[in-house]
Every structure is written in C-alpha cells, then in structure tokens.
Amino acid sequence: MLRRRDLLIGLGATLHPRLWSQSNAREASISVDWRSEGHKIPSDYSGFSYESAQLVNPAFFSPHHRQLISLYRELTPHGVLRIGGGTSAFTTFTGKPQQTPPPFDVFGPDTEKTVKKEFPISTTAIDALCGFLDATGWTCIYGLNMAQGSVENAIAEATYVQKTIGAKLICFQLGNEPDSWRTRYRPAAWGPADFLEEWKRFREALVDKVPGLKLAGPDISNKLPYLTVFAEEMQRGHYPEVILLTAHYYAMGPARSEGATLDQLMSPISKQRTGDVNKIMAAVKPAGLPFRMAEGNSCWDGGKLGVSDTLASALWCGDFMLQWAQAGCSGVNLHGGGDGNYTPIAGGLSKPLTRRPEFYGMLLAQRFVDATLVPCTLTCDSDRVTAYAAKDAQGESMLAVFNKTADSLRVRTENPWNKGVLLTGPEFESKEGITLHPMHTGKTSTLDLPAHSAGVVWKR
C-alpha cells in the first residue's frame, strides 16, 4: 500500500497553519520488503468511462476538441476510454453520417432521473472518436447494446467501429450491468444462468460475422454471482476472443442515501454488495484473464454533492486506484461526463472544461504507472491511513501515503527520500483549490503529512 508524506518537509514555511501541527501529530511507521515483488501496474492503467449517449454529439470526442485532448494527455499518454453506461441500452447504430444537429452539448452520468430515449450513433461519431483516440494516444473499450438492441444492429456497429478505430480498439463489451436487467429489460425470474446463455448466443452471432472480434465482460454492477458464473464459463469453455473480465465498483450509494457521507467515503469498510476488492479479484481468478474495473466512482447514481466533488473524493480516488492495483487489477476507469457530481473532468463544448478533485487523485496514482508494487507493512492506530510501496521502471524506490484522518501524521520510514508530490486542499470539504505540488523532501526518512492529504515520494 501507499502512504505519502515525504513531501512536506521542505515546505513548512509555505503551508497554511492548518496543514501541519507536530504537537498533535499521529504517529505511523512503514517497513518495506524491497526484495519481493507484487503486481506491475500497466502503462494504460488509468482511464475514464463515459455514457454511450455522449456519442450523439460527435464534436465532443473529436480531434478538434483540443482542451479535452490536452486534459487526457495531462493525465496519461496511454489511457483507456470506456464507452458504455446505462444509456448504452438505448443506442442504435444508424450506419449513416449524422445529418441533424446534436440535441445536447454534453451528457453526464446516467442517474435515476435521467430521461432516456433512443440515442442514434452515426458513422460521423465513430469517425470523430477515432480521431480523438489518435490525438490522445488512448485506446477504447466500446459497449454494444445487448439489453434492448438487435444482434443485427450490433454486428453492423461492431463492424464499422472495428474497421474505423482499428488498433485503438481494445475490445467490445456486450451490454452494461446485466445484473440490473431483471424486471427492467428481462422477466423477474431472469438470473445469472439466463444471462450467460443469452450472452453466449449474442457472442456467437458476432464472432461469426465480425472477424478478429475481441470481447470483455460481464461488466456487472454489484451482484457477484453474475461475475462468478461468467468467470467459470471462461475457464471451462473455448472463448479465445474474450481477453478481459470487467465489472463496476462504487464505494457507496445511492446518492440520495443518508449514509453516503464524507465519513463513509473515508471508511475502509466496503458498502458494496459485491464486497471488498479482494473478494472480487478472487471471483475472477478461475478465468485466468486480466480484470479491469471498467466503471466506478465514489457514489452510484451520479455522485453526491458535497462529497463526490471535494478534496475527500480526491484522497479516496488515489487510494482506491492503488488498492485495486495492489490486488492485481489491470486498470480502473472512473465514470464521469458533463457536470456530473463525481466526474473527474467537468464542462463541455460550450464552456471551459475544469479539473475536478478526483482528477488530482488520479494524477497522484498515475505516478505509480509502470512501477512494480512491493509488500509494505504500515503500523498506525488508524485504519484511515494507508500506504503503498513500489519500484519504478528504473528500479528506484517509491512510496505513497494517504492520511484520511483529521490529524497531522508523522511517518517514520527506513530510507531517506529525495523528491515528492503532495495532494492537499484548503479544507476536507473543499471543492476548489485542490493541488498536487512538487516538493523538496529534505532527504530524510521521516515524512510529515498534514491532515486530509496524500503524497508520493521517491529516491531518484
């Protein structure tokens, strides 16, 4: 795990008095087994997830949307854009260029209040998406409509998308959150076994008509039996086109719930029906395939104002991404779009885009990309302090520490550190002023972190 506080040492004179107080600092220590190695974090670990409905406006994911391209490249030159979400159940591929003005500028996360109708996906949108991916250097996981769409339309869409996007296309997903289809798109008695048989029929038709097709699945919401039955089938059967397992993960929710609070977001106790990260990773293990958290965020149903858009969400996000990496996950896609409460990037075509707090949490975790995680032991009296250690691509030591407590934190480590970055903000509930500072560490082995902050330090 990672903990972070090497960074503050050379910066005391510039910090707000609130940030660091030695007199009431919480104590922690970290020991690292640098000779053992865990999972390597892939170069395309970080990513975003957007609703399929956003494609109805081809100007958004376009080679001409320079500000969005710049923000994507700021996060990572090798990310993954996942297109899907709840609105993917209402899409239809037209097979023609777009001939009418788009009905909206941007489309945010699907919520219980979202008005969903048919979303026509044109060849214009796919052409623009291809240009956007070329401009960013990113790749794409593309969702097809299995919930309400026809096999014939999915074949036509997959054929055009694959031909157009080419090497930038990782794979397709068949449907979104099939474990939530019962009583919505399927009969009340419909369950995991029914889903699997339907998926197999849909998949067989696509494989027969789309040469070179690659697939991921099952892209569940939170009902583990759907993931388990899919993983077991991948182990038993012959599905060479399936290259990735996927699922979603939201820390809490729904947004209207009284329990969806800042305090709960900082808690290590999972409120997910599927359980914690390790339980999910155990469920996918039989398949022997990489697993990607294809959609997730702080609070389902679009996020909660005053929680999902604060410094707290940035700390949660960075910790969340490294926790999944430590468990062996191959990537994380944070859901967003438009002005959604939890979106990492807010805004659209008619107004400037802005970095929301979670964007900075992603930037912090991005420091560990291409690094190999190593075991570390954290000793602290709070379960809201976490730490992760790794060796970067050059073999140099790295350490991350998250202090999600209201107290300053003094962390004693075994080695001195040369450089670091600090994630912090004016207040725990702050929505603005979130920053990720490069800092001089003083080259000591003791890290001093302010309350509600996180940092990454390294030796090189």
Protein backbone atom coordinates (compact mmCIF):
# COMPACT_ATOMS: atom_id res chain seq x y z
CA MET A 1 0.00 0.00 0.00
CA LEU A 2 0.98 3.55 -0.12
CA ARG A 3 1.32 6.38 2.21
CA ARG A 4 2.56 9.73 1.49
CA ARG A 5 4.41 12.31 3.39
CA ASP A 6 7.93 12.90 2.42
CA LEU A 7 6.91 15.99 0.66
CA LEU A 8 6.11 18.42 3.33
CA ILE A 9 9.46 18.60 4.92
CA GLY A 10 10.98 21.29 2.79
CA LEU A 11 7.80 23.25 2.60
CA GLY A 12 6.84 24.23 6.11
CA ALA A 13 7.22 27.94 5.51
CA THR A 14 4.67 27.95 2.71
CA LEU A 15 1.98 25.82 4.34
CA HIS A 16 -1.22 27.10 5.84
CA PRO A 17 -1.06 26.72 9.68
CA ARG A 18 -3.94 24.22 9.48
CA LEU A 19 -1.88 21.79 7.48
CA TRP A 20 0.80 20.63 9.88
CA SER A 21 0.98 20.54 13.65
CA GLN A 22 3.72 18.45 15.26
CA SER A 23 2.25 18.79 18.74
CA ASN A 24 -0.81 16.64 17.96
CA ALA A 25 0.56 14.56 15.11
CA ARG A 26 -0.50 10.96 14.77
CA GLU A 27 2.44 8.53 14.57
CA ALA A 28 2.99 5.81 11.97
CA SER A 29 5.83 3.68 10.68
CA ILE A 30 6.37 1.81 7.42
CA SER A 31 8.68 -1.09 6.63
CA VAL A 32 9.10 -2.34 3.06
CA ASP A 33 10.24 -5.67 1.65
CA TRP A 34 12.10 -4.33 -1.37
CA ARG A 35 13.31 -7.80 -2.41
CA SER A 36 9.82 -9.17 -3.03
CA GLU A 37 7.68 -8.17 -5.99
CA GLY A 38 3.95 -7.95 -6.49
CA HIS A 39 1.91 -6.75 -9.45
CA LYS A 40 3.26 -4.41 -12.09
CA ILE A 41 0.92 -1.53 -12.90
CA PRO A 42 0.31 -1.39 -16.68
CA SER A 43 1.02 1.76 -18.67
CA ASP A 44 -2.69 2.02 -19.59
CA TYR A 45 -3.93 1.52 -16.02
CA SER A 46 -5.77 4.87 -15.79
CA GLY A 47 -8.90 5.64 -17.73
CA PHE A 48 -12.27 7.35 -17.95
CA SER A 49 -15.74 5.93 -18.54
CA TYR A 50 -18.45 7.87 -20.39
CA GLU A 51 -22.05 7.26 -21.35
CA SER A 52 -22.67 5.99 -24.89
CA ALA A 53 -25.15 8.84 -25.28
CA GLN A 54 -22.23 11.29 -25.46
CA LEU A 55 -21.51 9.96 -28.97
CA VAL A 56 -24.73 11.58 -30.19
CA ASN A 57 -22.71 14.80 -30.21
CA PRO A 58 -19.71 13.93 -32.43
CA ALA A 59 -17.98 17.21 -31.54
CA PHE A 60 -17.17 16.02 -28.00
CA PHE A 61 -14.90 13.05 -28.68
CA SER A 62 -13.32 14.72 -31.67
CA PRO A 63 -9.79 15.55 -32.87
CA HIS A 64 -10.90 19.19 -32.76
CA HIS A 65 -11.78 19.18 -29.03
CA ARG A 66 -8.34 20.44 -28.10
CA GLN A 67 -8.95 21.19 -24.43
CA LEU A 68 -10.29 17.69 -23.73
CA ILE A 69 -7.39 16.15 -25.63
CA SER A 70 -4.96 18.21 -23.54
CA LEU A 71 -6.53 17.07 -20.24
CA TYR A 72 -6.48 13.42 -21.29
CA ARG A 73 -2.82 13.66 -22.22
CA GLU A 74 -2.09 15.53 -18.98
CA LEU A 75 -3.38 12.53 -17.05
CA THR A 76 -1.62 9.91 -19.17
CA PRO A 77 -0.42 9.40 -22.74
CA HIS A 78 -1.68 5.80 -22.69
CA GLY A 79 -5.12 5.73 -21.07
CA VAL A 80 -8.29 3.76 -21.81
CA LEU A 81 -11.62 5.37 -22.69
CA ARG A 82 -14.59 3.15 -21.98
CA ILE A 83 -17.86 3.93 -23.78
CA GLY A 84 -20.98 2.38 -22.25
CA GLY A 85 -23.06 3.08 -19.16
CA GLY A 86 -26.80 2.92 -18.65
CA THR A 87 -27.56 4.81 -21.85
CA SER A 88 -25.94 2.08 -23.94
CA ALA A 89 -29.21 0.16 -23.57
CA PHE A 90 -30.91 2.86 -25.67
CA THR A 91 -28.44 3.24 -28.53
CA THR A 92 -28.97 2.34 -32.18
CA PHE A 93 -26.27 2.43 -34.83
CA THR A 94 -27.56 4.31 -37.89
CA GLY A 95 -24.79 3.30 -40.29
CA LYS A 96 -25.00 6.78 -41.81
CA PRO A 97 -23.37 10.20 -41.36
CA GLN A 98 -25.10 12.49 -38.87
CA GLN A 99 -27.47 14.85 -40.65
CA THR A 100 -29.17 16.71 -37.77
CA PRO A 101 -27.72 18.98 -35.06
CA PRO A 102 -26.91 17.14 -31.80
CA PRO A 103 -29.67 17.52 -29.18
CA PHE A 104 -27.23 18.34 -26.37
CA ASP A 105 -23.74 19.63 -25.67
CA VAL A 106 -22.66 17.03 -23.11
CA PHE A 107 -24.24 14.03 -21.41
CA GLY A 108 -23.41 13.28 -17.79
CA PRO A 109 -23.58 10.02 -15.84
CA ASP A 110 -26.82 8.07 -16.03
CA THR A 111 -28.95 8.50 -12.88
CA GLU A 112 -32.46 7.56 -11.78
CA LYS A 113 -33.56 11.00 -13.04
CA THR A 114 -32.01 10.66 -16.50
CA VAL A 115 -34.54 10.87 -19.30
CA LYS A 116 -33.51 8.10 -21.66
CA LYS A 117 -34.78 7.77 -25.20
CA GLU A 118 -33.23 6.41 -28.36
CA PHE A 119 -29.67 7.59 -28.89
CA PRO A 120 -28.68 7.27 -32.57
CA ILE A 121 -24.96 6.60 -33.10
CA SER A 122 -23.80 7.79 -36.52
CA THR A 123 -20.73 6.97 -38.57
CA THR A 124 -19.78 10.62 -38.02
CA ALA A 125 -19.48 9.94 -34.28
CA ILE A 126 -17.28 6.87 -34.78
CA ASP A 127 -15.05 8.72 -37.25
CA ALA A 128 -14.64 11.57 -34.75
CA LEU A 129 -13.95 9.13 -31.90
CA CYS A 130 -11.18 7.58 -33.97
CA GLY A 131 -9.59 11.00 -34.49
CA PHE A 132 -9.87 11.74 -30.77
CA LEU A 133 -8.13 8.50 -29.84
CA ASP A 134 -5.38 9.20 -32.36
CA ALA A 135 -4.88 12.68 -30.90
CA THR A 136 -4.74 11.50 -27.28
CA GLY A 137 -2.82 8.26 -27.76
CA TRP A 138 -5.59 6.47 -25.82
CA THR A 139 -7.38 3.22 -26.64
CA CYS A 140 -11.04 2.28 -26.26
CA ILE A 141 -13.39 -0.32 -24.78
CA TYR A 142 -16.66 0.01 -26.70
CA GLY A 143 -20.05 -1.07 -25.37
CA LEU A 144 -22.70 -2.64 -27.62
CA ASN A 145 -26.43 -2.71 -26.85
CA MET A 146 -27.33 -6.22 -25.77
CA ALA A 147 -30.02 -5.12 -23.31
CA GLN A 148 -32.54 -3.88 -25.90
CA GLY A 149 -30.68 -3.85 -29.21
CA SER A 150 -30.77 -6.40 -32.00
CA VAL A 151 -27.92 -8.72 -32.89
CA GLU A 152 -28.06 -7.41 -36.45
CA ASN A 153 -27.54 -3.82 -35.36
CA ALA A 154 -24.72 -4.83 -33.02
CA ILE A 155 -22.99 -6.63 -35.89
CA ALA A 156 -23.24 -3.56 -38.11
CA GLU A 157 -21.95 -1.30 -35.33
CA ALA A 158 -19.10 -3.60 -34.34
CA THR A 159 -18.04 -3.99 -37.96
CA TYR A 160 -17.85 -0.24 -38.53
CA VAL A 161 -16.21 0.54 -35.18
CA GLN A 162 -13.58 -2.14 -35.63
CA LYS A 163 -12.80 -1.08 -39.21
CA THR A 164 -12.59 2.61 -38.26
CA ILE A 165 -10.82 2.58 -34.91
CA GLY A 166 -8.54 -0.33 -35.72
CA ALA A 167 -5.63 -0.84 -33.33
CA LYS A 168 -7.02 1.76 -30.92
CA LEU A 169 -9.92 -0.59 -30.13
CA ILE A 170 -9.14 -2.93 -27.23
CA CYS A 171 -12.42 -4.83 -27.29
CA PHE A 172 -16.21 -4.68 -27.19
CA GLN A 173 -18.50 -5.26 -24.22
CA LEU A 174 -21.94 -6.82 -24.68
CA GLY A 175 -24.32 -4.79 -22.57
CA ASN A 176 -23.93 -2.81 -19.37
CA GLU A 177 -24.67 -4.07 -15.85
CA PRO A 178 -26.66 -7.15 -16.90
CA ASP A 179 -27.27 -7.97 -13.24
CA SER A 180 -29.66 -4.98 -13.17
CA TRP A 181 -31.75 -6.04 -16.19
CA ARG A 182 -34.21 -8.20 -14.27
CA THR A 183 -37.68 -6.55 -14.12
CA ARG A 184 -36.26 -3.73 -16.25
CA TYR A 185 -35.41 -5.38 -19.57
CA ARG A 186 -35.93 -9.03 -18.61
CA PRO A 187 -38.51 -11.12 -16.67
CA ALA A 188 -38.43 -11.16 -12.87
CA ALA A 189 -37.12 -14.74 -12.79
CA TRP A 190 -34.16 -13.96 -15.09
CA GLY A 191 -30.82 -14.67 -13.39
CA PRO A 192 -27.10 -15.37 -13.85
CA ALA A 193 -27.59 -18.60 -15.83
CA ASP A 194 -30.07 -16.90 -18.16
CA PHE A 195 -27.67 -14.03 -18.72
CA LEU A 196 -24.83 -16.38 -19.55
CA GLU A 197 -26.86 -18.29 -22.15
CA GLU A 198 -28.04 -15.06 -23.76
CA TRP A 199 -24.50 -13.65 -23.78
CA LYS A 200 -23.22 -16.83 -25.46
CA ARG A 201 -25.82 -16.57 -28.25
CA PHE A 202 -25.11 -12.88 -28.82
CA ARG A 203 -21.39 -13.54 -28.79
CA GLU A 204 -21.67 -16.44 -31.26
CA ALA A 205 -23.50 -14.26 -33.78
CA LEU A 206 -20.89 -11.53 -33.52
CA VAL A 207 -17.90 -13.86 -33.77
CA ASP A 208 -19.38 -15.39 -36.91
CA LYS A 209 -19.82 -12.03 -38.66
CA VAL A 210 -17.00 -9.83 -37.30
CA PRO A 211 -13.58 -11.39 -37.97
CA GLY A 212 -10.93 -10.57 -35.39
CA LEU A 213 -13.51 -9.58 -32.77
CA LYS A 214 -12.24 -9.12 -29.19
CA LEU A 215 -14.57 -9.11 -26.19
CA ALA A 216 -14.68 -8.23 -22.49
CA GLY A 217 -17.33 -8.97 -19.89
CA PRO A 218 -19.54 -9.38 -18.00
CA ASP A 219 -19.46 -5.70 -16.89
CA ILE A 220 -21.68 -6.31 -13.87
CA SER A 221 -22.92 -3.74 -11.39
CA ASN A 222 -22.77 -5.35 -7.94
CA LYS A 223 -24.22 -8.89 -7.98
CA LEU A 224 -21.26 -11.22 -7.65
CA PRO A 225 -22.98 -14.43 -8.94
CA TYR A 226 -23.12 -12.90 -12.44
CA LEU A 227 -19.37 -12.33 -12.36
CA THR A 228 -18.66 -15.76 -10.88
CA VAL A 229 -20.71 -17.70 -13.45
CA PHE A 230 -19.07 -15.75 -16.28
CA ALA A 231 -15.54 -16.33 -15.00
CA GLU A 232 -16.21 -20.04 -14.52
CA GLU A 233 -17.57 -20.32 -18.07
CA MET A 234 -14.46 -18.64 -19.44
CA GLN A 235 -12.42 -21.28 -17.62
CA ARG A 236 -14.49 -24.22 -18.94
CA GLY A 237 -15.26 -23.13 -22.47
CA HIS A 238 -13.32 -22.08 -25.55
CA TYR A 239 -13.58 -18.31 -25.92
CA PRO A 240 -10.30 -17.07 -27.42
CA GLU A 241 -11.88 -13.73 -28.34
CA VAL A 242 -12.53 -12.89 -24.65
CA ILE A 243 -9.40 -11.07 -23.50
CA LEU A 244 -10.62 -9.23 -20.41
CA LEU A 245 -13.02 -9.54 -17.47
CA THR A 246 -14.82 -6.39 -16.31
CA ALA A 247 -17.08 -5.20 -13.51
CA HIS A 248 -18.15 -1.97 -11.84
CA TYR A 249 -17.42 -0.69 -8.35
CA TYR A 250 -18.94 2.24 -6.47
CA ALA A 251 -17.81 2.93 -2.92
CA MET A 252 -21.31 3.70 -1.66
CA GLY A 253 -24.75 4.85 -2.75
CA PRO A 254 -27.26 5.75 -3.88
CA ALA A 255 -26.58 9.47 -3.84
CA ARG A 256 -29.85 10.15 -2.00
CA SER A 257 -28.85 7.83 0.86
CA GLU A 258 -28.20 9.44 4.24
CA GLY A 259 -25.30 7.03 4.63
CA ALA A 260 -23.48 8.45 1.61
CA THR A 261 -21.27 10.79 3.64
CA LEU A 262 -17.73 12.12 3.72
CA ASP A 263 -17.05 9.89 6.71
CA GLN A 264 -18.26 6.77 4.91
CA LEU A 265 -16.18 7.61 1.84
CA MET A 266 -13.07 7.61 4.04
CA SER A 267 -14.02 4.34 5.73
CA PRO A 268 -12.14 1.16 4.72
CA ILE A 269 -15.32 -0.87 5.30
CA SER A 270 -16.95 -1.57 1.94
CA LYS A 271 -20.61 -0.75 1.36
CA GLN A 272 -20.57 -2.57 -1.99
CA ARG A 273 -22.85 -5.57 -2.29
CA THR A 274 -20.06 -7.45 -4.05
CA GLY A 275 -17.79 -6.95 -1.04
CA ASP A 276 -14.27 -5.63 -0.98
CA VAL A 277 -11.69 -5.56 -3.75
CA ASN A 278 -10.07 -8.86 -2.79
CA LYS A 279 -13.41 -10.69 -2.89
CA ILE A 280 -14.00 -9.50 -6.45
CA MET A 281 -10.49 -10.44 -7.55
CA ALA A 282 -10.97 -13.91 -6.07
CA ALA A 283 -14.17 -14.32 -8.10
CA VAL A 284 -12.43 -13.61 -11.42
CA LYS A 285 -9.32 -15.69 -10.71
CA PRO A 286 -10.61 -19.00 -12.19
CA ALA A 287 -10.80 -17.46 -15.67
CA GLY A 288 -7.08 -16.70 -15.75
CA LEU A 289 -7.76 -13.43 -17.59
CA PRO A 290 -6.86 -9.82 -16.77
CA PHE A 291 -9.54 -7.90 -14.88
CA ARG A 292 -10.40 -4.22 -15.34
CA MET A 293 -12.69 -2.10 -13.19
CA ALA A 294 -14.45 -0.67 -16.26
CA GLU A 295 -16.75 1.75 -14.44
CA GLY A 296 -16.78 3.10 -10.92
CA ASN A 297 -16.63 6.06 -8.64
CA SER A 298 -17.37 7.33 -5.16
CA CYS A 299 -21.17 7.08 -5.05
CA TRP A 300 -23.56 5.50 -7.52
CA ASP A 301 -26.47 7.34 -9.08
CA GLY A 302 -24.29 10.17 -10.30
CA GLY A 303 -22.40 11.04 -7.12
CA LYS A 304 -23.33 13.16 -4.11
CA LEU A 305 -22.84 16.93 -3.95
CA GLY A 306 -20.57 17.97 -1.11
CA VAL A 307 -18.98 14.51 -1.03
CA SER A 308 -18.10 13.32 -4.53
CA ASP A 309 -16.76 16.72 -5.60
CA THR A 310 -14.45 17.50 -2.66
CA LEU A 311 -10.87 17.00 -1.50
CA ALA A 312 -12.16 13.87 0.23
CA SER A 313 -13.03 12.37 -3.15
CA ALA A 314 -9.51 13.08 -4.44
CA LEU A 315 -7.99 11.21 -1.50
CA TRP A 316 -10.46 8.36 -1.92
CA CYS A 317 -9.73 8.19 -5.66
CA GLY A 318 -5.95 7.95 -5.39
CA ASP A 319 -6.16 5.35 -2.62
CA PHE A 320 -8.85 3.42 -4.49
CA MET A 321 -6.77 3.17 -7.67
CA LEU A 322 -3.68 1.92 -5.87
CA GLN A 323 -5.70 -0.51 -3.76
CA TRP A 324 -7.07 -2.11 -6.93
CA ALA A 325 -3.60 -2.18 -8.49
CA GLN A 326 -2.21 -3.92 -5.42
CA ALA A 327 -4.93 -6.57 -5.72
CA GLY A 328 -3.91 -7.30 -9.31
CA CYS A 329 -6.42 -5.23 -11.28
CA SER A 330 -5.18 -4.28 -14.77
CA GLY A 331 -6.93 -0.91 -14.89
CA VAL A 332 -9.51 1.49 -13.45
CA ASN A 333 -11.98 3.65 -15.39
CA LEU A 334 -13.58 6.47 -13.40
CA HIS A 335 -17.07 7.23 -14.68
CA GLY A 336 -17.99 10.81 -15.46
CA GLY A 337 -19.01 13.30 -18.09
CA GLY A 338 -20.81 16.63 -18.29
CA ASP A 339 -21.24 18.26 -14.90
CA GLY A 340 -21.78 15.01 -13.02
CA ASN A 341 -21.15 15.31 -9.30
CA TYR A 342 -18.24 12.87 -9.35
CA THR A 343 -16.82 13.48 -12.81
CA PRO A 344 -13.03 13.96 -12.88
CA ILE A 345 -13.38 16.47 -15.76
CA ALA A 346 -16.40 18.80 -15.80
CA GLY A 347 -17.79 21.03 -18.52
CA GLY A 348 -18.31 20.65 -22.21
CA LEU A 349 -18.15 22.29 -25.59
CA SER A 350 -19.98 25.48 -24.69
CA LYS A 351 -17.97 26.24 -21.55
CA PRO A 352 -14.40 25.59 -20.42
CA LEU A 353 -13.50 22.20 -19.05
CA THR A 354 -12.27 22.06 -15.46
CA ARG A 355 -10.32 19.57 -13.38
CA ARG A 356 -12.46 18.32 -10.51
CA PRO A 357 -10.84 16.98 -7.28
CA GLU A 358 -10.80 13.37 -8.47
CA PHE A 359 -8.61 14.35 -11.41
CA TYR A 360 -5.85 15.18 -8.92
CA GLY A 361 -6.32 11.86 -7.14
CA MET A 362 -5.88 10.12 -10.47
CA LEU A 363 -2.75 12.15 -11.18
CA LEU A 364 -1.29 11.06 -7.86
CA ALA A 365 -1.95 7.37 -8.54
CA GLN A 366 -0.62 7.81 -12.06
CA ARG A 367 2.84 8.30 -10.54
CA PHE A 368 2.89 4.54 -9.94
CA VAL A 369 2.15 3.51 -13.52
CA ASP A 370 4.80 1.14 -14.93
CA ALA A 371 6.05 0.53 -11.37
CA THR A 372 6.07 -2.87 -9.64
CA LEU A 373 4.35 -2.94 -6.27
CA VAL A 374 6.21 -4.49 -3.35
CA PRO A 375 4.94 -5.58 0.09
CA CYS A 376 4.95 -2.97 2.83
CA THR A 377 3.82 -3.04 6.44
CA LEU A 378 2.14 0.01 7.95
CA THR A 379 1.89 0.41 11.70
CA CYS A 380 -0.65 3.05 12.74
CA ASP A 381 -3.55 3.38 15.18
CA SER A 382 -5.94 4.49 12.41
CA ASP A 383 -7.35 2.41 9.56
CA ARG A 384 -7.72 5.63 7.58
CA VAL A 385 -4.02 5.80 6.94
CA THR A 386 -2.84 3.64 4.04
CA ALA A 387 0.46 3.11 2.28
CA TYR A 388 1.84 1.53 -0.89
CA ALA A 389 5.42 0.88 -1.99
CA ALA A 390 6.84 0.15 -5.41
CA LYS A 391 9.92 0.06 -7.58
CA ASP A 392 9.64 2.20 -10.70
CA ALA A 393 10.68 1.15 -14.21
CA GLN A 394 14.30 2.03 -13.38
CA GLY A 395 14.21 0.02 -10.15
CA GLU A 396 14.11 3.08 -7.88
CA SER A 397 12.06 3.07 -4.68
CA MET A 398 8.68 4.82 -4.41
CA LEU A 399 6.29 5.25 -1.50
CA ALA A 400 2.76 6.64 -1.28
CA VAL A 401 0.91 7.56 1.90
CA PHE A 402 -2.74 8.59 2.32
CA ASN A 403 -3.71 10.41 5.50
CA LYS A 404 -7.51 10.44 5.51
CA THR A 405 -7.65 11.44 9.18
CA ALA A 406 -8.26 14.88 10.69
CA ASP A 407 -4.83 14.79 12.37
CA SER A 408 -1.37 15.59 11.12
CA LEU A 409 0.69 12.48 10.52
CA ARG A 410 4.36 11.77 11.15
CA VAL A 411 5.55 8.68 9.28
CA ARG A 412 8.86 7.02 10.01
CA THR A 413 10.33 5.03 7.15
CA GLU A 414 13.54 3.07 6.69
CA ASN A 415 15.12 5.18 3.94
CA PRO A 416 15.58 8.86 3.06
CA TRP A 417 13.67 10.27 0.08
CA ASN A 418 14.84 12.79 -2.49
CA LYS A 419 11.65 14.15 -4.05
CA GLY A 420 7.90 14.01 -3.73
CA VAL A 421 4.48 15.44 -4.51
CA LEU A 422 1.70 16.41 -2.10
CA LEU A 423 -2.04 16.25 -2.70
CA THR A 424 -3.93 18.67 -0.49
CA GLY A 425 -6.55 21.43 -0.39
CA PRO A 426 -7.85 24.26 1.80
CA GLU A 427 -10.33 22.06 3.72
CA PHE A 428 -11.58 18.48 3.74
CA GLU A 429 -14.84 19.62 2.13
CA SER A 430 -13.16 21.96 -0.37
CA LYS A 431 -14.35 21.75 -3.96
CA GLU A 432 -11.72 24.12 -5.30
CA GLY A 433 -8.10 24.82 -4.55
CA ILE A 434 -7.13 21.13 -4.72
CA THR A 435 -3.49 20.93 -5.74
CA LEU A 436 -0.74 18.45 -6.42
CA HIS A 437 2.54 20.14 -5.51
CA PRO A 438 6.03 19.04 -6.38
CA MET A 439 8.03 19.36 -3.17
CA HIS A 440 11.51 19.10 -1.77
CA THR A 441 11.61 16.41 0.92
CA GLY A 442 14.70 17.39 2.84
CA LYS A 443 16.17 13.97 2.02
CA THR A 444 15.11 12.49 5.35
CA SER A 445 13.35 9.23 6.25
CA THR A 446 10.61 10.96 8.26
CA LEU A 447 7.53 12.17 6.40
CA ASP A 448 5.22 14.78 7.87
CA LEU A 449 1.76 14.90 6.31
CA PRO A 450 -0.97 17.40 7.12
CA ALA A 451 -4.49 16.29 7.91
CA HIS A 452 -6.50 15.08 4.92
CA SER A 453 -3.64 14.83 2.47
CA ALA A 454 -1.66 12.31 0.44
CA GLY A 455 1.77 12.14 -1.04
CA VAL A 456 4.16 10.17 -3.18
CA VAL A 457 7.91 10.21 -2.57
CA TRP A 458 10.77 8.64 -4.46
CA LYS A 459 14.54 8.30 -4.24
CA ARG A 460 15.66 9.25 -7.74
